[in-house]
N, C-alpha and C. Protein backbone atom coordinates (compact mmCIF):
# COMPACT_ATOMS: atom_id res chain seq x y z
N MET A 1 6.09 64.87 -46.13
CA MET A 1 6.25 63.34 -45.93
C MET A 1 6.77 62.33 -44.71
N ASN A 2 6.31 61.47 -44.50
CA ASN A 2 6.81 60.68 -43.25
C ASN A 2 7.54 59.31 -44.33
N ASN A 3 8.90 59.04 -43.75
CA ASN A 3 9.49 57.94 -44.93
C ASN A 3 8.94 56.74 -43.91
N ASN A 4 8.41 57.49 -42.86
CA ASN A 4 8.49 55.43 -41.76
C ASN A 4 7.14 54.71 -42.63
N SER A 5 5.88 55.99 -43.57
CA SER A 5 5.15 55.14 -43.68
C SER A 5 4.84 54.60 -45.33
N LEU A 6 3.73 53.75 -45.68
CA LEU A 6 3.83 52.67 -46.92
C LEU A 6 3.70 53.30 -47.47
N TYR A 7 4.28 54.09 -48.83
CA TYR A 7 3.20 54.74 -49.87
C TYR A 7 1.85 53.21 -50.90
N PRO A 8 1.05 53.82 -51.70
CA PRO A 8 0.23 53.07 -51.43
C PRO A 8 1.13 52.08 -52.87
N ARG A 9 1.94 52.91 -53.86
CA ARG A 9 2.62 52.22 -54.96
C ARG A 9 3.94 50.84 -54.41
N SER A 10 4.42 51.29 -52.90
CA SER A 10 5.58 50.80 -52.94
C SER A 10 5.99 49.27 -53.01
N ARG A 11 7.10 48.25 -53.57
CA ARG A 11 7.59 47.55 -53.65
C ARG A 11 7.42 47.45 -52.78
N THR A 12 7.98 45.65 -53.20
CA THR A 12 9.16 44.87 -52.33
C THR A 12 9.81 43.96 -53.20
N PRO A 13 11.40 44.25 -52.81
CA PRO A 13 12.04 43.45 -53.42
C PRO A 13 12.11 41.83 -53.91
N HIS A 14 12.95 40.71 -54.37
CA HIS A 14 12.26 39.81 -54.80
C HIS A 14 13.61 38.92 -53.73
N GLN A 15 13.38 37.91 -52.42
CA GLN A 15 14.33 37.97 -52.47
C GLN A 15 14.40 36.29 -52.71
N PRO A 16 14.95 35.22 -54.02
CA PRO A 16 14.90 33.87 -54.10
C PRO A 16 15.56 33.76 -53.09
N LEU A 17 16.30 33.59 -52.50
CA LEU A 17 16.70 32.53 -50.83
C LEU A 17 15.79 32.84 -50.05
N ALA A 18 15.22 33.76 -50.09
CA ALA A 18 14.66 33.36 -48.84
C ALA A 18 13.60 32.56 -48.78
N THR A 19 13.06 31.67 -47.66
CA THR A 19 12.56 30.22 -46.95
C THR A 19 10.89 30.93 -47.27
N ARG A 20 10.49 29.99 -48.00
CA ARG A 20 8.77 30.10 -47.94
C ARG A 20 7.75 28.82 -47.61
N ALA A 21 7.27 29.29 -47.37
CA ALA A 21 6.31 28.17 -46.14
C ALA A 21 5.77 26.89 -47.97
N SER A 22 6.06 25.73 -48.16
CA SER A 22 4.62 24.81 -48.59
C SER A 22 3.25 24.54 -48.51
N THR A 23 2.66 24.74 -49.32
CA THR A 23 1.18 25.08 -49.04
C THR A 23 0.27 24.00 -49.66
N PRO A 24 -0.41 23.51 -49.04
CA PRO A 24 -1.44 21.94 -49.61
C PRO A 24 -1.71 22.24 -50.71
N LEU A 25 -2.93 21.96 -51.88
CA LEU A 25 -3.21 22.33 -52.55
C LEU A 25 -4.27 20.97 -52.52
N THR A 26 -5.52 21.42 -53.05
CA THR A 26 -6.83 20.36 -52.98
C THR A 26 -7.17 20.29 -54.77
N LEU A 27 -7.43 18.65 -54.54
CA LEU A 27 -7.69 18.75 -56.47
C LEU A 27 -8.67 17.94 -56.56
N GLY A 28 -9.55 18.16 -56.29
CA GLY A 28 -10.15 17.03 -55.94
C GLY A 28 -10.65 16.25 -55.29
N ARG A 29 -10.34 14.53 -55.19
CA ARG A 29 -10.03 13.84 -54.09
C ARG A 29 -8.03 13.87 -53.32
N HIS A 30 -7.94 14.53 -54.37
CA HIS A 30 -5.64 14.80 -53.73
C HIS A 30 -5.34 15.78 -52.99
N THR A 31 -4.33 15.71 -53.01
CA THR A 31 -4.44 16.78 -51.70
C THR A 31 -2.47 17.16 -52.88
N VAL A 32 -1.90 17.80 -53.20
CA VAL A 32 -0.83 18.36 -53.98
C VAL A 32 -0.22 19.49 -53.18
N GLN A 33 1.08 18.67 -53.23
CA GLN A 33 1.93 20.30 -51.71
C GLN A 33 2.59 20.51 -52.91
N ARG A 34 2.31 21.84 -52.43
CA ARG A 34 3.95 22.77 -53.28
C ARG A 34 4.47 23.43 -52.59
N PHE A 35 6.24 23.44 -52.83
CA PHE A 35 7.26 23.21 -53.25
C PHE A 35 7.36 24.78 -53.47
N HIS A 36 8.37 25.47 -53.24
CA HIS A 36 9.09 26.90 -53.52
C HIS A 36 10.54 25.35 -53.68
N VAL A 37 10.28 26.67 -54.59
CA VAL A 37 12.65 26.16 -55.16
C VAL A 37 13.31 26.41 -54.57
N GLN A 38 14.93 26.42 -54.03
CA GLN A 38 15.30 27.38 -53.63
C GLN A 38 16.11 28.02 -54.43
N GLY A 39 16.21 29.76 -54.37
CA GLY A 39 16.67 30.38 -55.20
C GLY A 39 16.76 30.30 -56.66
N ASP A 40 15.03 29.84 -57.24
CA ASP A 40 14.50 30.07 -58.27
C ASP A 40 13.03 30.66 -58.17
N LEU A 41 12.78 30.99 -59.06
CA LEU A 41 10.80 32.30 -59.27
C LEU A 41 10.60 30.41 -59.53
N TYR A 42 10.53 29.08 -60.06
CA TYR A 42 9.64 28.14 -59.70
C TYR A 42 9.03 27.23 -58.77
N THR A 43 8.19 27.02 -58.77
CA THR A 43 7.72 25.79 -57.70
C THR A 43 7.18 24.69 -58.43
N ARG A 44 7.25 24.63 -57.06
CA ARG A 44 7.14 22.57 -57.43
C ARG A 44 6.15 21.48 -56.66
N TYR A 45 4.94 21.59 -58.51
CA TYR A 45 4.11 20.49 -56.77
C TYR A 45 4.29 18.89 -56.74
N GLU A 46 4.00 18.41 -56.02
CA GLU A 46 3.79 17.41 -55.71
C GLU A 46 3.38 16.46 -55.57
N LEU A 47 2.40 15.20 -56.06
CA LEU A 47 1.94 14.48 -55.19
C LEU A 47 1.82 12.93 -54.54
N ARG A 48 1.20 12.40 -53.55
CA ARG A 48 1.97 11.47 -52.78
C ARG A 48 0.51 10.80 -52.79
N TYR A 49 0.90 9.41 -52.85
CA TYR A 49 -0.36 8.14 -52.47
C TYR A 49 0.29 7.05 -51.62
N ARG A 50 -0.31 7.23 -50.46
CA ARG A 50 0.50 6.41 -49.84
C ARG A 50 1.87 6.29 -49.56
N GLY A 51 2.58 7.03 -49.49
CA GLY A 51 3.89 7.71 -49.05
C GLY A 51 4.71 7.85 -50.10
N VAL A 52 4.39 7.98 -51.19
CA VAL A 52 5.25 7.35 -52.46
C VAL A 52 5.15 8.18 -53.61
N ILE A 53 6.73 9.34 -53.66
CA ILE A 53 5.66 10.88 -54.39
C ILE A 53 4.92 9.63 -56.34
N VAL A 54 3.48 10.41 -56.72
CA VAL A 54 3.60 9.53 -58.33
C VAL A 54 3.46 11.16 -58.96
N LEU A 55 3.56 11.69 -58.67
CA LEU A 55 3.32 13.12 -59.49
C LEU A 55 4.85 14.23 -59.01
N SER A 56 5.53 14.55 -59.67
CA SER A 56 6.03 16.03 -59.34
C SER A 56 6.21 16.39 -60.38
N GLN A 57 5.94 17.94 -60.54
CA GLN A 57 6.01 18.40 -61.59
C GLN A 57 6.28 20.43 -61.31
N ILE A 58 6.27 21.75 -62.63
CA ILE A 58 6.42 22.81 -62.54
C ILE A 58 5.17 23.33 -62.29
N SER A 59 4.25 23.19 -63.39
CA SER A 59 3.04 23.53 -63.76
C SER A 59 2.08 22.80 -63.04
N PRO A 60 1.14 23.88 -62.62
CA PRO A 60 0.63 23.02 -61.88
C PRO A 60 -0.75 22.27 -61.91
N PRO A 61 -1.13 21.50 -61.41
CA PRO A 61 -1.25 19.20 -62.02
C PRO A 61 -3.04 20.17 -61.87
N SER A 62 -3.66 19.34 -62.76
CA SER A 62 -5.36 19.53 -63.09
C SER A 62 -6.05 18.50 -61.91
N ALA A 63 -7.27 18.10 -61.64
CA ALA A 63 -7.50 17.52 -60.97
C ALA A 63 -7.14 16.17 -61.75
N ASP A 64 -7.79 15.97 -63.08
CA ASP A 64 -7.86 14.91 -63.89
C ASP A 64 -5.85 14.16 -64.10
N ASP A 65 -5.35 15.57 -63.75
CA ASP A 65 -3.03 14.73 -63.92
C ASP A 65 -3.38 14.02 -62.58
N CYS A 66 -3.81 14.64 -61.47
CA CYS A 66 -3.71 13.96 -60.13
C CYS A 66 -4.63 12.16 -60.32
N THR A 67 -5.46 12.36 -61.09
CA THR A 67 -6.25 10.90 -61.02
C THR A 67 -5.16 10.35 -61.67
N SER A 68 -4.81 10.05 -62.87
CA SER A 68 -3.61 9.34 -63.61
C SER A 68 -2.32 9.19 -63.32
N ALA A 69 -2.11 9.70 -62.63
CA ALA A 69 -1.06 9.62 -61.29
C ALA A 69 -1.49 8.56 -61.00
N VAL A 70 -2.04 8.63 -59.74
CA VAL A 70 -2.29 7.77 -59.34
C VAL A 70 -3.20 6.73 -60.09
N ARG A 71 -3.61 6.68 -60.21
CA ARG A 71 -4.21 5.51 -61.43
C ARG A 71 -3.09 4.77 -61.94
N ALA A 72 -1.79 5.24 -62.61
CA ALA A 72 -0.60 4.84 -62.87
C ALA A 72 -0.30 3.85 -61.99
N HIS A 73 0.43 4.37 -60.91
CA HIS A 73 0.76 3.81 -60.50
C HIS A 73 0.57 2.70 -59.07
N GLN A 74 -0.79 2.84 -59.58
CA GLN A 74 -2.03 1.64 -58.79
C GLN A 74 -2.03 0.33 -59.88
N ARG A 75 -1.54 0.59 -61.11
CA ARG A 75 -1.16 -0.31 -62.47
C ARG A 75 0.49 -1.18 -61.97
N ARG A 76 1.27 -0.14 -61.87
CA ARG A 76 2.59 -0.90 -61.27
C ARG A 76 2.14 -1.40 -60.01
N GLN A 77 1.89 -0.83 -58.77
CA GLN A 77 1.80 -1.79 -58.71
C GLN A 77 1.48 -3.32 -58.32
N ARG A 78 0.56 -3.32 -58.08
CA ARG A 78 -0.83 -4.55 -58.46
C ARG A 78 0.19 -5.47 -59.80
N ARG A 79 0.12 -4.79 -60.44
CA ARG A 79 1.96 -5.60 -61.93
C ARG A 79 2.55 -6.53 -61.31
N PHE A 80 2.94 -5.52 -60.60
CA PHE A 80 4.72 -6.59 -59.51
C PHE A 80 4.38 -6.61 -58.09
N VAL A 81 3.10 -6.58 -58.07
CA VAL A 81 2.56 -7.54 -57.32
C VAL A 81 2.62 -9.11 -57.43
N THR A 82 1.85 -8.75 -58.61
CA THR A 82 0.81 -10.36 -58.92
C THR A 82 2.16 -10.94 -59.94
N HIS A 83 3.49 -10.22 -60.04
CA HIS A 83 3.98 -10.90 -61.11
C HIS A 83 5.10 -11.42 -60.09
N ASN A 84 5.65 -12.79 -60.39
CA ASN A 84 6.45 -14.07 -59.72
C ASN A 84 7.61 -12.94 -60.11
N TRP A 85 7.90 -12.92 -59.49
CA TRP A 85 9.68 -12.09 -58.89
C TRP A 85 10.96 -13.04 -58.79
N SER A 86 10.37 -14.66 -58.27
CA SER A 86 11.41 -15.40 -58.04
C SER A 86 12.35 -15.83 -58.50
N ARG A 87 14.09 -16.25 -58.03
CA ARG A 87 14.84 -15.39 -58.75
C ARG A 87 15.88 -16.63 -59.89
N GLU A 88 14.59 -18.11 -59.96
CA GLU A 88 14.50 -19.01 -60.96
C GLU A 88 13.44 -18.41 -61.92
N SER A 89 11.70 -17.56 -62.13
CA SER A 89 11.71 -17.65 -62.88
C SER A 89 12.44 -16.92 -63.43
N ILE A 90 13.49 -15.89 -63.51
CA ILE A 90 14.13 -14.70 -64.06
C ILE A 90 14.99 -15.32 -64.75
N THR A 91 15.86 -16.01 -64.00
CA THR A 91 16.77 -17.73 -64.26
C THR A 91 15.82 -17.57 -65.59
N ALA A 92 14.67 -18.13 -65.52
CA ALA A 92 14.06 -18.81 -66.80
C ALA A 92 13.80 -18.05 -67.95
N ALA A 93 13.58 -16.68 -67.59
CA ALA A 93 13.17 -16.40 -68.76
C ALA A 93 14.75 -15.53 -69.45
N SER A 94 15.29 -15.58 -68.56
CA SER A 94 16.56 -14.91 -69.55
C SER A 94 17.28 -16.52 -70.25
N ASP A 95 16.80 -17.48 -69.52
CA ASP A 95 16.99 -18.42 -70.39
C ASP A 95 16.31 -19.16 -71.53
N GLY A 96 15.21 -19.04 -71.99
CA GLY A 96 14.13 -18.76 -72.31
C GLY A 96 14.26 -19.92 -72.34
N THR A 97 13.50 -20.18 -71.82
CA THR A 97 12.77 -22.00 -71.12
C THR A 97 11.55 -21.95 -70.81
N GLY A 98 11.21 -20.57 -69.87
CA GLY A 98 9.68 -20.11 -69.72
C GLY A 98 9.39 -21.49 -69.11
N GLN A 99 10.37 -21.94 -68.36
CA GLN A 99 10.13 -22.96 -67.15
C GLN A 99 10.69 -22.76 -65.67
N ALA A 100 9.54 -22.08 -64.82
CA ALA A 100 10.89 -21.91 -63.44
C ALA A 100 10.74 -22.91 -62.64
C-alpha cells in the first residue's frame, strides 16, 4: 500500500491554535458573524446593529434572539436620547427637587 495516499477513514487531529476564518450567517433579516475562540473548541456568535455589538453568545442564536436583541438595543437608545441628561437635571434628581 502506498503511504502517500489518503485512507478513507483517515483522521486529522484538532489543532486548537490554528487560525480559522470567521463566517457570516444569515438568520432572518440579520447577519451574525461567527468567530472561533482561539485555543478552544467554542465558537462565538456576534450580532452587530449599526456598528454596535448587540448580541454575543457561544450558542448559535435563532432569528427571534436576533430580533429581540436589536429591539432591546433600539429601546435603550431611544430612552437615552429622549431623556434630558444635562448636568443640572442630574444634580436636581440627586437633590430630590425635580427642578432643572
